[in-house]
Amino acid sequence: LDHLSTRLVRGWTHLERQKGGIGLR
């Protein structure tokens, strides 16, 4: 896990929940 923690990459953009908009702020 220690080794893996440095190797997480942003490969899940379809699940991102930091978009703006009504009801999503």
PDBML (XML) file of the C-alpha atoms, coordinates in Angstrom:
<?xml version="1.0" encoding="UTF-8" ?>
<PDBx:datablock datablockName="MODEL"
   xmlns:PDBx="http://pdbml.pdb.org/schema/pdbx-v50.xsd"
   xmlns:xsi="http://www.w3.org/2001/XMLSchema-instance"
   xsi:schemaLocation="http://pdbml.pdb.org/schema/pdbx-v50.xsd pdbx-v50.xsd">
   <PDBx:atom_siteCategory>
      <PDBx:atom_site id="1">
         <PDBx:B_iso_or_equiv>0.00</PDBx:B_iso_or_equiv>
         <PDBx:Cartn_x>0.000</PDBx:Cartn_x>
         <PDBx:Cartn_y>0.000</PDBx:Cartn_y>
         <PDBx:Cartn_z>0.000</PDBx:Cartn_z>
         <PDBx:auth_asym_id>A</PDBx:auth_asym_id>
         <PDBx:auth_atom_id>CA</PDBx:auth_atom_id>
         <PDBx:auth_comp_id>LEU</PDBx:auth_comp_id>
         <PDBx:auth_seq_id>1</PDBx:auth_seq_id>
         <PDBx:group_PDB>ATOM</PDBx:group_PDB>
         <PDBx:label_alt_id xsi:nil="true" />
         <PDBx:label_asym_id>A</PDBx:label_asym_id>
         <PDBx:label_atom_id>CA</PDBx:label_atom_id>
         <PDBx:label_comp_id>LEU</PDBx:label_comp_id>
         <PDBx:label_entity_id>1</PDBx:label_entity_id>
         <PDBx:label_seq_id>1</PDBx:label_seq_id>
         <PDBx:occupancy>1.00</PDBx:occupancy>
         <PDBx:pdbx_PDB_model_num>1</PDBx:pdbx_PDB_model_num>
         <PDBx:type_symbol>C</PDBx:type_symbol>
      </PDBx:atom_site>
      <PDBx:atom_site id="2">
         <PDBx:B_iso_or_equiv>0.00</PDBx:B_iso_or_equiv>
         <PDBx:Cartn_x>2.874</PDBx:Cartn_x>
         <PDBx:Cartn_y>2.314</PDBx:Cartn_y>
         <PDBx:Cartn_z>0.770</PDBx:Cartn_z>
         <PDBx:auth_asym_id>A</PDBx:auth_asym_id>
         <PDBx:auth_atom_id>CA</PDBx:auth_atom_id>
         <PDBx:auth_comp_id>ASP</PDBx:auth_comp_id>
         <PDBx:auth_seq_id>2</PDBx:auth_seq_id>
         <PDBx:group_PDB>ATOM</PDBx:group_PDB>
         <PDBx:label_alt_id xsi:nil="true" />
         <PDBx:label_asym_id>A</PDBx:label_asym_id>
         <PDBx:label_atom_id>CA</PDBx:label_atom_id>
         <PDBx:label_comp_id>ASP</PDBx:label_comp_id>
         <PDBx:label_entity_id>1</PDBx:label_entity_id>
         <PDBx:label_seq_id>2</PDBx:label_seq_id>
         <PDBx:occupancy>1.00</PDBx:occupancy>
         <PDBx:pdbx_PDB_model_num>1</PDBx:pdbx_PDB_model_num>
         <PDBx:type_symbol>C</PDBx:type_symbol>
      </PDBx:atom_site>
      <PDBx:atom_site id="3">
         <PDBx:B_iso_or_equiv>0.00</PDBx:B_iso_or_equiv>
         <PDBx:Cartn_x>4.318</PDBx:Cartn_x>
         <PDBx:Cartn_y>1.545</PDBx:Cartn_y>
         <PDBx:Cartn_z>-2.663</PDBx:Cartn_z>
         <PDBx:auth_asym_id>A</PDBx:auth_asym_id>
         <PDBx:auth_atom_id>CA</PDBx:auth_atom_id>
         <PDBx:auth_comp_id>HIS</PDBx:auth_comp_id>
         <PDBx:auth_seq_id>3</PDBx:auth_seq_id>
         <PDBx:group_PDB>ATOM</PDBx:group_PDB>
         <PDBx:label_alt_id xsi:nil="true" />
         <PDBx:label_asym_id>A</PDBx:label_asym_id>
         <PDBx:label_atom_id>CA</PDBx:label_atom_id>
         <PDBx:label_comp_id>HIS</PDBx:label_comp_id>
         <PDBx:label_entity_id>1</PDBx:label_entity_id>
         <PDBx:label_seq_id>3</PDBx:label_seq_id>
         <PDBx:occupancy>1.00</PDBx:occupancy>
         <PDBx:pdbx_PDB_model_num>1</PDBx:pdbx_PDB_model_num>
         <PDBx:type_symbol>C</PDBx:type_symbol>
      </PDBx:atom_site>
      <PDBx:atom_site id="4">
         <PDBx:B_iso_or_equiv>0.00</PDBx:B_iso_or_equiv>
         <PDBx:Cartn_x>0.920</PDBx:Cartn_x>
         <PDBx:Cartn_y>1.887</PDBx:Cartn_y>
         <PDBx:Cartn_z>-4.359</PDBx:Cartn_z>
         <PDBx:auth_asym_id>A</PDBx:auth_asym_id>
         <PDBx:auth_atom_id>CA</PDBx:auth_atom_id>
         <PDBx:auth_comp_id>LEU</PDBx:auth_comp_id>
         <PDBx:auth_seq_id>4</PDBx:auth_seq_id>
         <PDBx:group_PDB>ATOM</PDBx:group_PDB>
         <PDBx:label_alt_id xsi:nil="true" />
         <PDBx:label_asym_id>A</PDBx:label_asym_id>
         <PDBx:label_atom_id>CA</PDBx:label_atom_id>
         <PDBx:label_comp_id>LEU</PDBx:label_comp_id>
         <PDBx:label_entity_id>1</PDBx:label_entity_id>
         <PDBx:label_seq_id>4</PDBx:label_seq_id>
         <PDBx:occupancy>1.00</PDBx:occupancy>
         <PDBx:pdbx_PDB_model_num>1</PDBx:pdbx_PDB_model_num>
         <PDBx:type_symbol>C</PDBx:type_symbol>
      </PDBx:atom_site>
      <PDBx:atom_site id="5">
         <PDBx:B_iso_or_equiv>0.00</PDBx:B_iso_or_equiv>
         <PDBx:Cartn_x>0.058</PDBx:Cartn_x>
         <PDBx:Cartn_y>5.203</PDBx:Cartn_y>
         <PDBx:Cartn_z>-2.711</PDBx:Cartn_z>
         <PDBx:auth_asym_id>A</PDBx:auth_asym_id>
         <PDBx:auth_atom_id>CA</PDBx:auth_atom_id>
         <PDBx:auth_comp_id>SER</PDBx:auth_comp_id>
         <PDBx:auth_seq_id>5</PDBx:auth_seq_id>
         <PDBx:group_PDB>ATOM</PDBx:group_PDB>
         <PDBx:label_alt_id xsi:nil="true" />
         <PDBx:label_asym_id>A</PDBx:label_asym_id>
         <PDBx:label_atom_id>CA</PDBx:label_atom_id>
         <PDBx:label_comp_id>SER</PDBx:label_comp_id>
         <PDBx:label_entity_id>1</PDBx:label_entity_id>
         <PDBx:label_seq_id>5</PDBx:label_seq_id>
         <PDBx:occupancy>1.00</PDBx:occupancy>
         <PDBx:pdbx_PDB_model_num>1</PDBx:pdbx_PDB_model_num>
         <PDBx:type_symbol>C</PDBx:type_symbol>
      </PDBx:atom_site>
      <PDBx:atom_site id="6">
         <PDBx:B_iso_or_equiv>0.00</PDBx:B_iso_or_equiv>
         <PDBx:Cartn_x>2.617</PDBx:Cartn_x>
         <PDBx:Cartn_y>7.010</PDBx:Cartn_y>
         <PDBx:Cartn_z>-4.872</PDBx:Cartn_z>
         <PDBx:auth_asym_id>A</PDBx:auth_asym_id>
         <PDBx:auth_atom_id>CA</PDBx:auth_atom_id>
         <PDBx:auth_comp_id>THR</PDBx:auth_comp_id>
         <PDBx:auth_seq_id>6</PDBx:auth_seq_id>
         <PDBx:group_PDB>ATOM</PDBx:group_PDB>
         <PDBx:label_alt_id xsi:nil="true" />
         <PDBx:label_asym_id>A</PDBx:label_asym_id>
         <PDBx:label_atom_id>CA</PDBx:label_atom_id>
         <PDBx:label_comp_id>THR</PDBx:label_comp_id>
         <PDBx:label_entity_id>1</PDBx:label_entity_id>
         <PDBx:label_seq_id>6</PDBx:label_seq_id>
         <PDBx:occupancy>1.00</PDBx:occupancy>
         <PDBx:pdbx_PDB_model_num>1</PDBx:pdbx_PDB_model_num>
         <PDBx:type_symbol>C</PDBx:type_symbol>
      </PDBx:atom_site>
      <PDBx:atom_site id="7">
         <PDBx:B_iso_or_equiv>0.00</PDBx:B_iso_or_equiv>
         <PDBx:Cartn_x>1.301</PDBx:Cartn_x>
         <PDBx:Cartn_y>5.372</PDBx:Cartn_y>
         <PDBx:Cartn_z>-8.032</PDBx:Cartn_z>
         <PDBx:auth_asym_id>A</PDBx:auth_asym_id>
         <PDBx:auth_atom_id>CA</PDBx:auth_atom_id>
         <PDBx:auth_comp_id>ARG</PDBx:auth_comp_id>
         <PDBx:auth_seq_id>7</PDBx:auth_seq_id>
         <PDBx:group_PDB>ATOM</PDBx:group_PDB>
         <PDBx:label_alt_id xsi:nil="true" />
         <PDBx:label_asym_id>A</PDBx:label_asym_id>
         <PDBx:label_atom_id>CA</PDBx:label_atom_id>
         <PDBx:label_comp_id>ARG</PDBx:label_comp_id>
         <PDBx:label_entity_id>1</PDBx:label_entity_id>
         <PDBx:label_seq_id>7</PDBx:label_seq_id>
         <PDBx:occupancy>1.00</PDBx:occupancy>
         <PDBx:pdbx_PDB_model_num>1</PDBx:pdbx_PDB_model_num>
         <PDBx:type_symbol>C</PDBx:type_symbol>
      </PDBx:atom_site>
      <PDBx:atom_site id="8">
         <PDBx:B_iso_or_equiv>0.00</PDBx:B_iso_or_equiv>
         <PDBx:Cartn_x>-2.346</PDBx:Cartn_x>
         <PDBx:Cartn_y>6.410</PDBx:Cartn_y>
         <PDBx:Cartn_z>-7.972</PDBx:Cartn_z>
         <PDBx:auth_asym_id>A</PDBx:auth_asym_id>
         <PDBx:auth_atom_id>CA</PDBx:auth_atom_id>
         <PDBx:auth_comp_id>LEU</PDBx:auth_comp_id>
         <PDBx:auth_seq_id>8</PDBx:auth_seq_id>
         <PDBx:group_PDB>ATOM</PDBx:group_PDB>
         <PDBx:label_alt_id xsi:nil="true" />
         <PDBx:label_asym_id>A</PDBx:label_asym_id>
         <PDBx:label_atom_id>CA</PDBx:label_atom_id>
         <PDBx:label_comp_id>LEU</PDBx:label_comp_id>
         <PDBx:label_entity_id>1</PDBx:label_entity_id>
         <PDBx:label_seq_id>8</PDBx:label_seq_id>
         <PDBx:occupancy>1.00</PDBx:occupancy>
         <PDBx:pdbx_PDB_model_num>1</PDBx:pdbx_PDB_model_num>
         <PDBx:type_symbol>C</PDBx:type_symbol>
      </PDBx:atom_site>
      <PDBx:atom_site id="9">
         <PDBx:B_iso_or_equiv>0.00</PDBx:B_iso_or_equiv>
         <PDBx:Cartn_x>-3.166</PDBx:Cartn_x>
         <PDBx:Cartn_y>8.266</PDBx:Cartn_y>
         <PDBx:Cartn_z>-11.152</PDBx:Cartn_z>
         <PDBx:auth_asym_id>A</PDBx:auth_asym_id>
         <PDBx:auth_atom_id>CA</PDBx:auth_atom_id>
         <PDBx:auth_comp_id>VAL</PDBx:auth_comp_id>
         <PDBx:auth_seq_id>9</PDBx:auth_seq_id>
         <PDBx:group_PDB>ATOM</PDBx:group_PDB>
         <PDBx:label_alt_id xsi:nil="true" />
         <PDBx:label_asym_id>A</PDBx:label_asym_id>
         <PDBx:label_atom_id>CA</PDBx:label_atom_id>
         <PDBx:label_comp_id>VAL</PDBx:label_comp_id>
         <PDBx:label_entity_id>1</PDBx:label_entity_id>
         <PDBx:label_seq_id>9</PDBx:label_seq_id>
         <PDBx:occupancy>1.00</PDBx:occupancy>
         <PDBx:pdbx_PDB_model_num>1</PDBx:pdbx_PDB_model_num>
         <PDBx:type_symbol>C</PDBx:type_symbol>
      </PDBx:atom_site>
      <PDBx:atom_site id="10">
         <PDBx:B_iso_or_equiv>0.00</PDBx:B_iso_or_equiv>
         <PDBx:Cartn_x>-6.129</PDBx:Cartn_x>
         <PDBx:Cartn_y>10.340</PDBx:Cartn_y>
         <PDBx:Cartn_z>-12.251</PDBx:Cartn_z>
         <PDBx:auth_asym_id>A</PDBx:auth_asym_id>
         <PDBx:auth_atom_id>CA</PDBx:auth_atom_id>
         <PDBx:auth_comp_id>ARG</PDBx:auth_comp_id>
         <PDBx:auth_seq_id>10</PDBx:auth_seq_id>
         <PDBx:group_PDB>ATOM</PDBx:group_PDB>
         <PDBx:label_alt_id xsi:nil="true" />
         <PDBx:label_asym_id>A</PDBx:label_asym_id>
         <PDBx:label_atom_id>CA</PDBx:label_atom_id>
         <PDBx:label_comp_id>ARG</PDBx:label_comp_id>
         <PDBx:label_entity_id>1</PDBx:label_entity_id>
         <PDBx:label_seq_id>10</PDBx:label_seq_id>
         <PDBx:occupancy>1.00</PDBx:occupancy>
         <PDBx:pdbx_PDB_model_num>1</PDBx:pdbx_PDB_model_num>
         <PDBx:type_symbol>C</PDBx:type_symbol>
      </PDBx:atom_site>
      <PDBx:atom_site id="11">
         <PDBx:B_iso_or_equiv>0.00</PDBx:B_iso_or_equiv>
         <PDBx:Cartn_x>-7.897</PDBx:Cartn_x>
         <PDBx:Cartn_y>7.721</PDBx:Cartn_y>
         <PDBx:Cartn_z>-14.288</PDBx:Cartn_z>
         <PDBx:auth_asym_id>A</PDBx:auth_asym_id>
         <PDBx:auth_atom_id>CA</PDBx:auth_atom_id>
         <PDBx:auth_comp_id>GLY</PDBx:auth_comp_id>
         <PDBx:auth_seq_id>11</PDBx:auth_seq_id>
         <PDBx:group_PDB>ATOM</PDBx:group_PDB>
         <PDBx:label_alt_id xsi:nil="true" />
         <PDBx:label_asym_id>A</PDBx:label_asym_id>
         <PDBx:label_atom_id>CA</PDBx:label_atom_id>
         <PDBx:label_comp_id>GLY</PDBx:label_comp_id>
         <PDBx:label_entity_id>1</PDBx:label_entity_id>
         <PDBx:label_seq_id>11</PDBx:label_seq_id>
         <PDBx:occupancy>1.00</PDBx:occupancy>
         <PDBx:pdbx_PDB_model_num>1</PDBx:pdbx_PDB_model_num>
         <PDBx:type_symbol>C</PDBx:type_symbol>
      </PDBx:atom_site>
      <PDBx:atom_site id="12">
         <PDBx:B_iso_or_equiv>0.00</PDBx:B_iso_or_equiv>
         <PDBx:Cartn_x>-11.445</PDBx:Cartn_x>
         <PDBx:Cartn_y>8.126</PDBx:Cartn_y>
         <PDBx:Cartn_z>-12.992</PDBx:Cartn_z>
         <PDBx:auth_asym_id>A</PDBx:auth_asym_id>
         <PDBx:auth_atom_id>CA</PDBx:auth_atom_id>
         <PDBx:auth_comp_id>TRP</PDBx:auth_comp_id>
         <PDBx:auth_seq_id>12</PDBx:auth_seq_id>
         <PDBx:group_PDB>ATOM</PDBx:group_PDB>
         <PDBx:label_alt_id xsi:nil="true" />
         <PDBx:label_asym_id>A</PDBx:label_asym_id>
         <PDBx:label_atom_id>CA</PDBx:label_atom_id>
         <PDBx:label_comp_id>TRP</PDBx:label_comp_id>
         <PDBx:label_entity_id>1</PDBx:label_entity_id>
         <PDBx:label_seq_id>12</PDBx:label_seq_id>
         <PDBx:occupancy>1.00</PDBx:occupancy>
         <PDBx:pdbx_PDB_model_num>1</PDBx:pdbx_PDB_model_num>
         <PDBx:type_symbol>C</PDBx:type_symbol>
      </PDBx:atom_site>
      <PDBx:atom_site id="13">
         <PDBx:B_iso_or_equiv>0.00</PDBx:B_iso_or_equiv>
         <PDBx:Cartn_x>-12.504</PDBx:Cartn_x>
         <PDBx:Cartn_y>11.484</PDBx:Cartn_y>
         <PDBx:Cartn_z>-14.422</PDBx:Cartn_z>
         <PDBx:auth_asym_id>A</PDBx:auth_asym_id>
         <PDBx:auth_atom_id>CA</PDBx:auth_atom_id>
         <PDBx:auth_comp_id>THR</PDBx:auth_comp_id>
         <PDBx:auth_seq_id>13</PDBx:auth_seq_id>
         <PDBx:group_PDB>ATOM</PDBx:group_PDB>
         <PDBx:label_alt_id xsi:nil="true" />
         <PDBx:label_asym_id>A</PDBx:label_asym_id>
         <PDBx:label_atom_id>CA</PDBx:label_atom_id>
         <PDBx:label_comp_id>THR</PDBx:label_comp_id>
         <PDBx:label_entity_id>1</PDBx:label_entity_id>
         <PDBx:label_seq_id>13</PDBx:label_seq_id>
         <PDBx:occupancy>1.00</PDBx:occupancy>
         <PDBx:pdbx_PDB_model_num>1</PDBx:pdbx_PDB_model_num>
         <PDBx:type_symbol>C</PDBx:type_symbol>
      </PDBx:atom_site>
      <PDBx:atom_site id="14">
         <PDBx:B_iso_or_equiv>0.00</PDBx:B_iso_or_equiv>
         <PDBx:Cartn_x>-15.918</PDBx:Cartn_x>
         <PDBx:Cartn_y>10.121</PDBx:Cartn_y>
         <PDBx:Cartn_z>-15.370</PDBx:Cartn_z>
         <PDBx:auth_asym_id>A</PDBx:auth_asym_id>
         <PDBx:auth_atom_id>CA</PDBx:auth_atom_id>
         <PDBx:auth_comp_id>HIS</PDBx:auth_comp_id>
         <PDBx:auth_seq_id>14</PDBx:auth_seq_id>
         <PDBx:group_PDB>ATOM</PDBx:group_PDB>
         <PDBx:label_alt_id xsi:nil="true" />
         <PDBx:label_asym_id>A</PDBx:label_asym_id>
         <PDBx:label_atom_id>CA</PDBx:label_atom_id>
         <PDBx:label_comp_id>HIS</PDBx:label_comp_id>
         <PDBx:label_entity_id>1</PDBx:label_entity_id>
         <PDBx:label_seq_id>14</PDBx:label_seq_id>
         <PDBx:occupancy>1.00</PDBx:occupancy>
         <PDBx:pdbx_PDB_model_num>1</PDBx:pdbx_PDB_model_num>
         <PDBx:type_symbol>C</PDBx:type_symbol>
      </PDBx:atom_site>
      <PDBx:atom_site id="15">
         <PDBx:B_iso_or_equiv>0.00</PDBx:B_iso_or_equiv>
         <PDBx:Cartn_x>-16.657</PDBx:Cartn_x>
         <PDBx:Cartn_y>9.798</PDBx:Cartn_y>
         <PDBx:Cartn_z>-11.666</PDBx:Cartn_z>
         <PDBx:auth_asym_id>A</PDBx:auth_asym_id>
         <PDBx:auth_atom_id>CA</PDBx:auth_atom_id>
         <PDBx:auth_comp_id>LEU</PDBx:auth_comp_id>
         <PDBx:auth_seq_id>15</PDBx:auth_seq_id>
         <PDBx:group_PDB>ATOM</PDBx:group_PDB>
         <PDBx:label_alt_id xsi:nil="true" />
         <PDBx:label_asym_id>A</PDBx:label_asym_id>
         <PDBx:label_atom_id>CA</PDBx:label_atom_id>
         <PDBx:label_comp_id>LEU</PDBx:label_comp_id>
         <PDBx:label_entity_id>1</PDBx:label_entity_id>
         <PDBx:label_seq_id>15</PDBx:label_seq_id>
         <PDBx:occupancy>1.00</PDBx:occupancy>
         <PDBx:pdbx_PDB_model_num>1</PDBx:pdbx_PDB_model_num>
         <PDBx:type_symbol>C</PDBx:type_symbol>
      </PDBx:atom_site>
      <PDBx:atom_site id="16">
         <PDBx:B_iso_or_equiv>0.00</PDBx:B_iso_or_equiv>
         <PDBx:Cartn_x>-15.433</PDBx:Cartn_x>
         <PDBx:Cartn_y>13.250</PDBx:Cartn_y>
         <PDBx:Cartn_z>-10.738</PDBx:Cartn_z>
         <PDBx:auth_asym_id>A</PDBx:auth_asym_id>
         <PDBx:auth_atom_id>CA</PDBx:auth_atom_id>
         <PDBx:auth_comp_id>GLU</PDBx:auth_comp_id>
         <PDBx:auth_seq_id>16</PDBx:auth_seq_id>
         <PDBx:group_PDB>ATOM</PDBx:group_PDB>
         <PDBx:label_alt_id xsi:nil="true" />
         <PDBx:label_asym_id>A</PDBx:label_asym_id>
         <PDBx:label_atom_id>CA</PDBx:label_atom_id>
         <PDBx:label_comp_id>GLU</PDBx:label_comp_id>
         <PDBx:label_entity_id>1</PDBx:label_entity_id>
         <PDBx:label_seq_id>16</PDBx:label_seq_id>
         <PDBx:occupancy>1.00</PDBx:occupancy>
         <PDBx:pdbx_PDB_model_num>1</PDBx:pdbx_PDB_model_num>
         <PDBx:type_symbol>C</PDBx:type_symbol>
      </PDBx:atom_site>
      <PDBx:atom_site id="17">
         <PDBx:B_iso_or_equiv>0.00</PDBx:B_iso_or_equiv>
         <PDBx:Cartn_x>-17.837</PDBx:Cartn_x>
         <PDBx:Cartn_y>15.101</PDBx:Cartn_y>
         <PDBx:Cartn_z>-8.437</PDBx:Cartn_z>
         <PDBx:auth_asym_id>A</PDBx:auth_asym_id>
         <PDBx:auth_atom_id>CA</PDBx:auth_atom_id>
         <PDBx:auth_comp_id>ARG</PDBx:auth_comp_id>
         <PDBx:auth_seq_id>17</PDBx:auth_seq_id>
         <PDBx:group_PDB>ATOM</PDBx:group_PDB>
         <PDBx:label_alt_id xsi:nil="true" />
         <PDBx:label_asym_id>A</PDBx:label_asym_id>
         <PDBx:label_atom_id>CA</PDBx:label_atom_id>
         <PDBx:label_comp_id>ARG</PDBx:label_comp_id>
         <PDBx:label_entity_id>1</PDBx:label_entity_id>
         <PDBx:label_seq_id>17</PDBx:label_seq_id>
         <PDBx:occupancy>1.00</PDBx:occupancy>
         <PDBx:pdbx_PDB_model_num>1</PDBx:pdbx_PDB_model_num>
         <PDBx:type_symbol>C</PDBx:type_symbol>
      </PDBx:atom_site>
      <PDBx:atom_site id="18">
         <PDBx:B_iso_or_equiv>0.00</PDBx:B_iso_or_equiv>
         <PDBx:Cartn_x>-16.232</PDBx:Cartn_x>
         <PDBx:Cartn_y>18.522</PDBx:Cartn_y>
         <PDBx:Cartn_z>-8.259</PDBx:Cartn_z>
         <PDBx:auth_asym_id>A</PDBx:auth_asym_id>
         <PDBx:auth_atom_id>CA</PDBx:auth_atom_id>
         <PDBx:auth_comp_id>GLN</PDBx:auth_comp_id>
         <PDBx:auth_seq_id>18</PDBx:auth_seq_id>
         <PDBx:group_PDB>ATOM</PDBx:group_PDB>
         <PDBx:label_alt_id xsi:nil="true" />
         <PDBx:label_asym_id>A</PDBx:label_asym_id>
         <PDBx:label_atom_id>CA</PDBx:label_atom_id>
         <PDBx:label_comp_id>GLN</PDBx:label_comp_id>
         <PDBx:label_entity_id>1</PDBx:label_entity_id>
         <PDBx:label_seq_id>18</PDBx:label_seq_id>
         <PDBx:occupancy>1.00</PDBx:occupancy>
         <PDBx:pdbx_PDB_model_num>1</PDBx:pdbx_PDB_model_num>
         <PDBx:type_symbol>C</PDBx:type_symbol>
      </PDBx:atom_site>
      <PDBx:atom_site id="19">
         <PDBx:B_iso_or_equiv>0.00</PDBx:B_iso_or_equiv>
         <PDBx:Cartn_x>-18.177</PDBx:Cartn_x>
         <PDBx:Cartn_y>20.077</PDBx:Cartn_y>
         <PDBx:Cartn_z>-11.131</PDBx:Cartn_z>
         <PDBx:auth_asym_id>A</PDBx:auth_asym_id>
         <PDBx:auth_atom_id>CA</PDBx:auth_atom_id>
         <PDBx:auth_comp_id>LYS</PDBx:auth_comp_id>
         <PDBx:auth_seq_id>19</PDBx:auth_seq_id>
         <PDBx:group_PDB>ATOM</PDBx:group_PDB>
         <PDBx:label_alt_id xsi:nil="true" />
         <PDBx:label_asym_id>A</PDBx:label_asym_id>
         <PDBx:label_atom_id>CA</PDBx:label_atom_id>
         <PDBx:label_comp_id>LYS</PDBx:label_comp_id>
         <PDBx:label_entity_id>1</PDBx:label_entity_id>
         <PDBx:label_seq_id>19</PDBx:label_seq_id>
         <PDBx:occupancy>1.00</PDBx:occupancy>
         <PDBx:pdbx_PDB_model_num>1</PDBx:pdbx_PDB_model_num>
         <PDBx:type_symbol>C</PDBx:type_symbol>
      </PDBx:atom_site>
      <PDBx:atom_site id="20">
         <PDBx:B_iso_or_equiv>0.00</PDBx:B_iso_or_equiv>
         <PDBx:Cartn_x>-20.201</PDBx:Cartn_x>
         <PDBx:Cartn_y>23.204</PDBx:Cartn_y>
         <PDBx:Cartn_z>-10.618</PDBx:Cartn_z>
         <PDBx:auth_asym_id>A</PDBx:auth_asym_id>
         <PDBx:auth_atom_id>CA</PDBx:auth_atom_id>
         <PDBx:auth_comp_id>GLY</PDBx:auth_comp_id>
         <PDBx:auth_seq_id>20</PDBx:auth_seq_id>
         <PDBx:group_PDB>ATOM</PDBx:group_PDB>
         <PDBx:label_alt_id xsi:nil="true" />
         <PDBx:label_asym_id>A</PDBx:label_asym_id>
         <PDBx:label_atom_id>CA</PDBx:label_atom_id>
         <PDBx:label_comp_id>GLY</PDBx:label_comp_id>
         <PDBx:label_entity_id>1</PDBx:label_entity_id>
         <PDBx:label_seq_id>20</PDBx:label_seq_id>
         <PDBx:occupancy>1.00</PDBx:occupancy>
         <PDBx:pdbx_PDB_model_num>1</PDBx:pdbx_PDB_model_num>
         <PDBx:type_symbol>C</PDBx:type_symbol>
      </PDBx:atom_site>
      <PDBx:atom_site id="21">
         <PDBx:B_iso_or_equiv>0.00</PDBx:B_iso_or_equiv>
         <PDBx:Cartn_x>-23.878</PDBx:Cartn_x>
         <PDBx:Cartn_y>23.705</PDBx:Cartn_y>
         <PDBx:Cartn_z>-11.384</PDBx:Cartn_z>
         <PDBx:auth_asym_id>A</PDBx:auth_asym_id>
         <PDBx:auth_atom_id>CA</PDBx:auth_atom_id>
         <PDBx:auth_comp_id>GLY</PDBx:auth_comp_id>
         <PDBx:auth_seq_id>21</PDBx:auth_seq_id>
         <PDBx:group_PDB>ATOM</PDBx:group_PDB>
         <PDBx:label_alt_id xsi:nil="true" />
         <PDBx:label_asym_id>A</PDBx:label_asym_id>
         <PDBx:label_atom_id>CA</PDBx:label_atom_id>
         <PDBx:label_comp_id>GLY</PDBx:label_comp_id>
         <PDBx:label_entity_id>1</PDBx:label_entity_id>
         <PDBx:label_seq_id>21</PDBx:label_seq_id>
         <PDBx:occupancy>1.00</PDBx:occupancy>
         <PDBx:pdbx_PDB_model_num>1</PDBx:pdbx_PDB_model_num>
         <PDBx:type_symbol>C</PDBx:type_symbol>
      </PDBx:atom_site>
      <PDBx:atom_site id="22">
         <PDBx:B_iso_or_equiv>0.00</PDBx:B_iso_or_equiv>
         <PDBx:Cartn_x>-27.238</PDBx:Cartn_x>
         <PDBx:Cartn_y>23.746</PDBx:Cartn_y>
         <PDBx:Cartn_z>-9.673</PDBx:Cartn_z>
         <PDBx:auth_asym_id>A</PDBx:auth_asym_id>
         <PDBx:auth_atom_id>CA</PDBx:auth_atom_id>
         <PDBx:auth_comp_id>ILE</PDBx:auth_comp_id>
         <PDBx:auth_seq_id>22</PDBx:auth_seq_id>
         <PDBx:group_PDB>ATOM</PDBx:group_PDB>
         <PDBx:label_alt_id xsi:nil="true" />
         <PDBx:label_asym_id>A</PDBx:label_asym_id>
         <PDBx:label_atom_id>CA</PDBx:label_atom_id>
         <PDBx:label_comp_id>ILE</PDBx:label_comp_id>
         <PDBx:label_entity_id>1</PDBx:label_entity_id>
         <PDBx:label_seq_id>22</PDBx:label_seq_id>
         <PDBx:occupancy>1.00</PDBx:occupancy>
         <PDBx:pdbx_PDB_model_num>1</PDBx:pdbx_PDB_model_num>
         <PDBx:type_symbol>C</PDBx:type_symbol>
      </PDBx:atom_site>
      <PDBx:atom_site id="23">
         <PDBx:B_iso_or_equiv>0.00</PDBx:B_iso_or_equiv>
         <PDBx:Cartn_x>-27.507</PDBx:Cartn_x>
         <PDBx:Cartn_y>21.041</PDBx:Cartn_y>
         <PDBx:Cartn_z>-7.087</PDBx:Cartn_z>
         <PDBx:auth_asym_id>A</PDBx:auth_asym_id>
         <PDBx:auth_atom_id>CA</PDBx:auth_atom_id>
         <PDBx:auth_comp_id>GLY</PDBx:auth_comp_id>
         <PDBx:auth_seq_id>23</PDBx:auth_seq_id>
         <PDBx:group_PDB>ATOM</PDBx:group_PDB>
         <PDBx:label_alt_id xsi:nil="true" />
         <PDBx:label_asym_id>A</PDBx:label_asym_id>
         <PDBx:label_atom_id>CA</PDBx:label_atom_id>
         <PDBx:label_comp_id>GLY</PDBx:label_comp_id>
         <PDBx:label_entity_id>1</PDBx:label_entity_id>
         <PDBx:label_seq_id>23</PDBx:label_seq_id>
         <PDBx:occupancy>1.00</PDBx:occupancy>
         <PDBx:pdbx_PDB_model_num>1</PDBx:pdbx_PDB_model_num>
         <PDBx:type_symbol>C</PDBx:type_symbol>
      </PDBx:atom_site>
      <PDBx:atom_site id="24">
         <PDBx:B_iso_or_equiv>0.00</PDBx:B_iso_or_equiv>
         <PDBx:Cartn_x>-23.883</PDBx:Cartn_x>
         <PDBx:Cartn_y>20.032</PDBx:Cartn_y>
         <PDBx:Cartn_z>-7.582</PDBx:Cartn_z>
         <PDBx:auth_asym_id>A</PDBx:auth_asym_id>
         <PDBx:auth_atom_id>CA</PDBx:auth_atom_id>
         <PDBx:auth_comp_id>LEU</PDBx:auth_comp_id>
         <PDBx:auth_seq_id>24</PDBx:auth_seq_id>
         <PDBx:group_PDB>ATOM</PDBx:group_PDB>
         <PDBx:label_alt_id xsi:nil="true" />
         <PDBx:label_asym_id>A</PDBx:label_asym_id>
         <PDBx:label_atom_id>CA</PDBx:label_atom_id>
         <PDBx:label_comp_id>LEU</PDBx:label_comp_id>
         <PDBx:label_entity_id>1</PDBx:label_entity_id>
         <PDBx:label_seq_id>24</PDBx:label_seq_id>
         <PDBx:occupancy>1.00</PDBx:occupancy>
         <PDBx:pdbx_PDB_model_num>1</PDBx:pdbx_PDB_model_num>
         <PDBx:type_symbol>C</PDBx:type_symbol>
      </PDBx:atom_site>
      <PDBx:atom_site id="25">
         <PDBx:B_iso_or_equiv>0.00</PDBx:B_iso_or_equiv>
         <PDBx:Cartn_x>-22.083</PDBx:Cartn_x>
         <PDBx:Cartn_y>22.862</PDBx:Cartn_y>
         <PDBx:Cartn_z>-5.812</PDBx:Cartn_z>
         <PDBx:auth_asym_id>A</PDBx:auth_asym_id>
         <PDBx:auth_atom_id>CA</PDBx:auth_atom_id>
         <PDBx:auth_comp_id>ARG</PDBx:auth_comp_id>
         <PDBx:auth_seq_id>25</PDBx:auth_seq_id>
         <PDBx:group_PDB>ATOM</PDBx:group_PDB>
         <PDBx:label_alt_id xsi:nil="true" />
         <PDBx:label_asym_id>A</PDBx:label_asym_id>
         <PDBx:label_atom_id>CA</PDBx:label_atom_id>
         <PDBx:label_comp_id>ARG</PDBx:label_comp_id>
         <PDBx:label_entity_id>1</PDBx:label_entity_id>
         <PDBx:label_seq_id>25</PDBx:label_seq_id>
         <PDBx:occupancy>1.00</PDBx:occupancy>
         <PDBx:pdbx_PDB_model_num>1</PDBx:pdbx_PDB_model_num>
         <PDBx:type_symbol>C</PDBx:type_symbol>
      </PDBx:atom_site>
   </PDBx:atom_siteCategory>
</PDBx:datablock>
